[in-house]
Amino acid sequence: MRIMGLDFGAKTVGVAISDPLLITAQGIGIIRRERENKLRRTLARIEELIAEYEVEEIVLGLPKNMNDTLGERAELSLAFQEMLERRTGLPVTMWDERLTTVAAERSMIEAGLRREERAEQVDKIAACLILQNYLDSRK
C-alpha cells in the first residue's frame, strides 16, 4: 500500500508518494495544468500514477488562512477532493498545508537552488511535506 500526497495549485499539482511501509514521502513530480478550470487531463494523470504506484489513499493539501478560515483556494481544493473521490474511488484526506510552500522554498534556498530551479520544484516539495506530515501523524 502507498499513499499519494497532492499540492493542488492554480497552474500545477505537486505529487508525492509514500514508500510501501508508509514511513517516508518522496516527491515524484508536478502535473502542469493548462487552465485552472480544466481538470480532465490532471485527473487522468493522477489516475495513471495511482495505478503505477498502487496507491490506496490520497492526502490533499488544504490551504487554510492563517486565522484558520477557508478562503477561495481552500474551497477549490475541497471541490477537487470531491472530484478525486468520485473519479478514483479512493479516500481523500484533507491536510492543513499552511506554510508548506514557505518551508519548501526555505529548504531549496538552503540547498543553494537558483530561483528558476526553485520555481520548478516548489510544488513537488510542498506535496512531499504535506504527505510526510500526514505520515508522521499516523505514528
Protein backbone atom coordinates (compact mmCIF):
# COMPACT_ATOMS: atom_id res chain seq x y z
CA MET A 1 0.00 0.00 0.00
CA ARG A 2 1.10 3.53 -0.77
CA ILE A 3 -0.35 6.96 -0.10
CA MET A 4 -0.24 9.83 -2.58
CA GLY A 5 0.21 13.43 -1.46
CA LEU A 6 -1.01 16.29 -3.64
CA ASP A 7 -0.39 20.03 -3.52
CA PHE A 8 -3.20 21.45 -5.69
CA GLY A 9 -2.36 24.79 -7.24
CA ALA A 10 -3.75 27.04 -9.94
CA LYS A 11 -1.08 26.11 -12.51
CA THR A 12 0.45 22.88 -11.19
CA VAL A 13 -0.24 19.95 -8.92
CA GLY A 14 2.72 18.71 -6.89
CA VAL A 15 2.80 14.94 -6.41
CA ALA A 16 4.48 12.82 -3.75
CA ILE A 17 4.26 9.09 -2.98
CA SER A 18 4.94 7.22 0.24
CA ASP A 19 7.18 4.22 0.45
CA PRO A 20 5.32 0.87 0.86
CA LEU A 21 5.94 0.89 4.63
CA LEU A 22 4.32 4.35 4.97
CA ILE A 23 7.38 5.86 6.61
CA THR A 24 8.74 8.36 4.10
CA ALA A 25 7.41 10.58 1.33
CA GLN A 26 9.21 11.13 -1.95
CA GLY A 27 8.33 13.87 -4.40
CA ILE A 28 7.80 12.37 -7.84
CA GLY A 29 6.94 15.42 -9.92
CA ILE A 30 4.41 18.02 -10.92
CA ILE A 31 1.42 17.94 -13.22
CA ARG A 32 1.08 21.11 -15.28
CA ARG A 33 -2.44 22.46 -15.75
CA GLU A 34 -3.27 24.24 -18.98
CA ARG A 35 -6.18 26.17 -17.46
CA GLU A 36 -7.31 26.48 -13.88
CA ASN A 37 -10.87 25.36 -14.63
CA LYS A 38 -9.86 22.39 -16.83
CA LEU A 39 -9.09 19.27 -14.80
CA ARG A 40 -9.72 16.33 -17.13
CA ARG A 41 -6.04 15.79 -18.05
CA THR A 42 -4.91 16.45 -14.49
CA LEU A 43 -7.29 13.81 -13.13
CA ALA A 44 -6.28 11.35 -15.87
CA ARG A 45 -2.59 11.76 -14.98
CA ILE A 46 -3.33 11.28 -11.28
CA GLU A 47 -5.21 8.08 -12.14
CA GLU A 48 -2.19 6.84 -14.12
CA LEU A 49 0.09 7.48 -11.13
CA ILE A 50 -2.38 5.77 -8.77
CA ALA A 51 -2.24 2.64 -10.92
CA GLU A 52 1.55 2.80 -11.39
CA TYR A 53 2.31 3.15 -7.67
CA GLU A 54 -0.63 1.08 -6.36
CA VAL A 55 -1.97 3.97 -4.30
CA GLU A 56 -4.80 3.23 -1.85
CA GLU A 57 -5.26 6.65 -0.25
CA ILE A 58 -4.74 10.30 -1.20
CA VAL A 59 -3.77 13.22 1.04
CA LEU A 60 -4.66 16.59 -0.42
CA GLY A 61 -3.32 19.86 0.95
CA LEU A 62 -5.94 22.23 2.37
CA PRO A 63 -4.67 25.82 2.12
CA LYS A 64 -6.27 27.38 5.18
CA ASN A 65 -5.77 31.03 6.03
CA MET A 66 -3.52 31.79 8.97
CA ASN A 67 -6.62 32.60 11.09
CA ASP A 68 -7.92 29.05 10.41
CA THR A 69 -10.63 30.17 7.96
CA LEU A 70 -11.17 28.79 4.47
CA GLY A 71 -10.62 31.10 1.52
CA GLU A 72 -11.13 30.70 -2.21
CA ARG A 73 -8.15 28.34 -2.72
CA ALA A 74 -9.38 26.10 0.10
CA GLU A 75 -12.86 25.97 -1.45
CA LEU A 76 -11.32 24.97 -4.79
CA SER A 77 -9.30 22.26 -3.03
CA LEU A 78 -12.44 20.89 -1.36
CA ALA A 79 -14.16 20.74 -4.76
CA PHE A 80 -11.09 18.94 -6.15
CA GLN A 81 -11.32 16.47 -3.24
CA GLU A 82 -14.86 15.56 -4.31
CA MET A 83 -13.75 15.10 -7.93
CA LEU A 84 -10.86 12.87 -6.87
CA GLU A 85 -13.08 10.70 -4.67
CA ARG A 86 -15.68 10.29 -7.42
CA ARG A 87 -13.15 9.61 -10.16
CA THR A 88 -10.74 7.33 -8.29
CA GLY A 89 -12.97 5.71 -5.66
CA LEU A 90 -10.18 6.29 -3.12
CA PRO A 91 -10.48 8.08 0.21
CA VAL A 92 -9.07 11.61 0.06
CA THR A 93 -7.93 13.10 3.36
CA MET A 94 -7.62 16.87 3.57
CA TRP A 95 -4.45 18.04 5.36
CA ASP A 96 -3.65 21.53 6.60
CA GLU A 97 -0.88 22.77 4.34
CA ARG A 98 -0.24 26.17 5.91
CA LEU A 99 3.37 27.22 5.46
CA THR A 100 4.40 24.12 3.47
CA THR A 101 5.26 26.22 0.43
CA VAL A 102 7.27 28.57 2.67
CA ALA A 103 9.11 25.58 4.17
CA ALA A 104 9.73 24.14 0.70
CA GLU A 105 11.17 27.46 -0.52
CA ARG A 106 13.36 27.76 2.56
CA SER A 107 14.79 24.24 2.16
CA MET A 108 15.60 24.88 -1.51
CA ILE A 109 17.30 28.18 -0.70
CA GLU A 110 19.38 26.41 1.93
CA ALA A 111 20.27 23.78 -0.67
CA GLY A 112 21.53 26.54 -2.97
CA LEU A 113 19.00 26.14 -5.77
CA ARG A 114 18.61 29.08 -8.14
CA ARG A 115 15.26 30.89 -8.33
CA GLU A 116 14.36 29.19 -11.65
CA GLU A 117 15.08 25.75 -10.20
CA ARG A 118 13.04 26.55 -7.09
CA ALA A 119 10.04 27.60 -9.17
CA GLU A 120 10.12 24.21 -10.92
CA GLN A 121 10.38 22.19 -7.71
CA VAL A 122 8.34 24.05 -5.06
CA ASP A 123 5.02 22.26 -5.63
CA LYS A 124 6.64 18.82 -5.64
CA ILE A 125 8.45 19.55 -2.39
CA ALA A 126 5.29 21.03 -0.83
CA ALA A 127 3.42 17.81 -1.74
CA CYS A 128 6.21 15.84 -0.11
CA LEU A 129 5.95 17.92 3.09
CA ILE A 130 2.15 17.54 3.17
CA LEU A 131 2.44 13.77 2.82
CA GLN A 132 5.33 13.44 5.28
CA ASN A 133 3.44 15.44 7.93
CA TYR A 134 0.43 13.17 7.41
CA LEU A 135 2.56 10.01 7.63
CA ASP A 136 4.24 11.29 10.82
CA SER A 137 0.85 11.99 12.40
CA ARG A 138 -0.19 8.36 11.90
CA LYS A 139 2.59 7.02 14.13
